[in-house]
Amino acid sequence: MTHSPLRRLAAVTLLAGSLSPAIAQAEPGGCLKYGAVGAVGGHLAHHGVAGAAGGCAVGMWKRHQYRKSVRQKAQAYDQEHQGVPVDATRP
């Protein structure tokens, strides 16, 4: 009994998802998500591995951009609230 590459990809994706931490921070992008989409798109063009690699690269770039914007927003917030005690907002 032979297994198709698409079936193997689905099995690996499910296994990786089940081994990931139960509590995860939701972030856009990522290699698995975009890699899977790229693999499907590449499969339709008979270039599944190239599509997966390209999708993974795009996902990593998207996540980098998201984390960069979060860092910038946090720095802007910190600059606006300098000198304000942390417990000042509590009654």
C-alpha atoms as a PDB file:
ATOM      1  CA  MET A   1       0.000   0.000   0.000  1.00  0.00           C
ATOM      2  CA  THR A   2       1.576   3.276  -1.114  1.00  0.00           C
ATOM      3  CA  HIS A   3       0.867   6.614   0.460  1.00  0.00           C
ATOM      4  CA  SER A   4       0.600   9.741  -1.645  1.00  0.00           C
ATOM      5  CA  PRO A   5       2.770  12.742  -0.742  1.00  0.00           C
ATOM      6  CA  LEU A   6      -0.377  14.764  -0.032  1.00  0.00           C
ATOM      7  CA  ARG A   7      -1.550  12.172   2.491  1.00  0.00           C
ATOM      8  CA  ARG A   8       1.871  12.249   4.157  1.00  0.00           C
ATOM      9  CA  LEU A   9       1.760  16.048   4.298  1.00  0.00           C
ATOM     10  CA  ALA A  10      -1.657  15.909   5.950  1.00  0.00           C
ATOM     11  CA  ALA A  11      -0.422  13.369   8.490  1.00  0.00           C
ATOM     12  CA  VAL A  12       2.678  15.408   9.326  1.00  0.00           C
ATOM     13  CA  THR A  13       0.612  18.589   9.650  1.00  0.00           C
ATOM     14  CA  LEU A  14      -1.861  16.911  12.003  1.00  0.00           C
ATOM     15  CA  LEU A  15       0.951  15.424  14.051  1.00  0.00           C
ATOM     16  CA  ALA A  16       2.732  18.772  14.345  1.00  0.00           C
ATOM     17  CA  GLY A  17      -0.510  20.461  15.370  1.00  0.00           C
ATOM     18  CA  SER A  18      -1.212  17.884  18.039  1.00  0.00           C
ATOM     19  CA  LEU A  19       2.293  18.217  19.503  1.00  0.00           C
ATOM     20  CA  SER A  20       2.159  22.016  19.705  1.00  0.00           C
ATOM     21  CA  PRO A  21       1.551  23.614  23.096  1.00  0.00           C
ATOM     22  CA  ALA A  22      -2.051  23.662  24.235  1.00  0.00           C
ATOM     23  CA  ILE A  23      -1.887  27.373  25.058  1.00  0.00           C
ATOM     24  CA  ALA A  24      -0.528  29.366  22.173  1.00  0.00           C
ATOM     25  CA  GLN A  25      -0.628  33.032  21.334  1.00  0.00           C
ATOM     26  CA  ALA A  26      -2.554  33.671  18.137  1.00  0.00           C
ATOM     27  CA  GLU A  27      -0.341  35.358  15.577  1.00  0.00           C
ATOM     28  CA  PRO A  28      -0.808  35.763  11.863  1.00  0.00           C
ATOM     29  CA  GLY A  29       1.440  33.950   9.460  1.00  0.00           C
ATOM     30  CA  GLY A  30       3.791  31.143  10.223  1.00  0.00           C
ATOM     31  CA  CYS A  31       5.606  28.495   8.285  1.00  0.00           C
ATOM     32  CA  LEU A  32       3.060  25.710   8.806  1.00  0.00           C
ATOM     33  CA  LYS A  33       0.029  27.725   7.803  1.00  0.00           C
ATOM     34  CA  TYR A  34       1.492  29.400   4.740  1.00  0.00           C
ATOM     35  CA  GLY A  35       3.596  26.361   3.876  1.00  0.00           C
ATOM     36  CA  ALA A  36       0.487  24.183   3.732  1.00  0.00           C
ATOM     37  CA  VAL A  37      -1.286  26.686   1.498  1.00  0.00           C
ATOM     38  CA  GLY A  38       1.799  26.950  -0.706  1.00  0.00           C
ATOM     39  CA  ALA A  39       2.030  23.177  -0.932  1.00  0.00           C
ATOM     40  CA  VAL A  40      -1.564  22.910  -2.092  1.00  0.00           C
ATOM     41  CA  GLY A  41      -1.067  25.691  -4.622  1.00  0.00           C
ATOM     42  CA  GLY A  42       2.213  24.156  -5.747  1.00  0.00           C
ATOM     43  CA  HIS A  43       0.588  20.737  -5.966  1.00  0.00           C
ATOM     44  CA  LEU A  44      -1.923  22.109  -8.437  1.00  0.00           C
ATOM     45  CA  ALA A  45       0.979  23.402 -10.547  1.00  0.00           C
ATOM     46  CA  HIS A  46       2.989  20.181 -10.004  1.00  0.00           C
ATOM     47  CA  HIS A  47       5.525  22.016  -7.807  1.00  0.00           C
ATOM     48  CA  GLY A  48       4.400  21.095  -4.300  1.00  0.00           C
ATOM     49  CA  VAL A  49       7.784  21.322  -2.581  1.00  0.00           C
ATOM     50  CA  ALA A  50       8.604  24.673  -4.170  1.00  0.00           C
ATOM     51  CA  GLY A  51       5.161  25.959  -3.204  1.00  0.00           C
ATOM     52  CA  ALA A  52       5.610  24.785   0.379  1.00  0.00           C
ATOM     53  CA  ALA A  53       9.039  26.423   0.623  1.00  0.00           C
ATOM     54  CA  GLY A  54       7.728  29.682  -0.816  1.00  0.00           C
ATOM     55  CA  GLY A  55       4.681  29.619   1.437  1.00  0.00           C
ATOM     56  CA  CYS A  56       6.870  28.980   4.464  1.00  0.00           C
ATOM     57  CA  ALA A  57       9.084  31.945   3.578  1.00  0.00           C
ATOM     58  CA  VAL A  58       6.070  34.223   3.155  1.00  0.00           C
ATOM     59  CA  GLY A  59       4.626  33.031   6.462  1.00  0.00           C
ATOM     60  CA  MET A  60       7.864  33.726   8.307  1.00  0.00           C
ATOM     61  CA  TRP A  61       8.040  37.210   6.770  1.00  0.00           C
ATOM     62  CA  LYS A  62       4.402  37.942   7.715  1.00  0.00           C
ATOM     63  CA  ARG A  63       5.017  36.855  11.311  1.00  0.00           C
ATOM     64  CA  HIS A  64       8.180  38.981  11.458  1.00  0.00           C
ATOM     65  CA  GLN A  65       6.242  42.022  10.247  1.00  0.00           C
ATOM     66  CA  TYR A  66       3.507  41.397  12.847  1.00  0.00           C
ATOM     67  CA  ARG A  67       5.970  41.053  15.722  1.00  0.00           C
ATOM     68  CA  LYS A  68       7.816  44.166  14.567  1.00  0.00           C
ATOM     69  CA  SER A  69       4.589  46.209  14.602  1.00  0.00           C
ATOM     70  CA  VAL A  70       3.709  44.881  18.086  1.00  0.00           C
ATOM     71  CA  ARG A  71       7.156  45.923  19.368  1.00  0.00           C
ATOM     72  CA  GLN A  72       6.742  49.397  17.873  1.00  0.00           C
ATOM     73  CA  LYS A  73       3.287  49.806  19.420  1.00  0.00           C
ATOM     74  CA  ALA A  74       4.611  48.707  22.812  1.00  0.00           C
ATOM     75  CA  GLN A  75       7.485  51.194  22.608  1.00  0.00           C
ATOM     76  CA  ALA A  76       5.094  54.010  21.658  1.00  0.00           C
ATOM     77  CA  TYR A  77       2.830  53.107  24.592  1.00  0.00           C
ATOM     78  CA  ASP A  78       5.795  53.034  26.971  1.00  0.00           C
ATOM     79  CA  GLN A  79       6.947  56.471  25.780  1.00  0.00           C
ATOM     80  CA  GLU A  80       3.463  57.946  26.251  1.00  0.00           C
ATOM     81  CA  HIS A  81       3.141  56.536  29.764  1.00  0.00           C
ATOM     82  CA  GLN A  82       6.572  57.286  31.199  1.00  0.00           C
ATOM     83  CA  GLY A  83       6.567  57.987  34.905  1.00  0.00           C
ATOM     84  CA  VAL A  84       3.077  56.583  35.455  1.00  0.00           C
ATOM     85  CA  PRO A  85       3.133  53.991  38.234  1.00  0.00           C
ATOM     86  CA  VAL A  86       1.803  50.601  37.263  1.00  0.00           C
ATOM     87  CA  ASP A  87      -0.685  50.561  40.162  1.00  0.00           C
ATOM     88  CA  ALA A  88      -1.989  54.079  39.377  1.00  0.00           C
ATOM     89  CA  THR A  89      -4.888  52.670  37.389  1.00  0.00           C
ATOM     90  CA  ARG A  90      -6.135  50.512  40.259  1.00  0.00           C
ATOM     91  CA  PRO A  91      -8.659  52.022  42.716  1.00  0.00           C
END
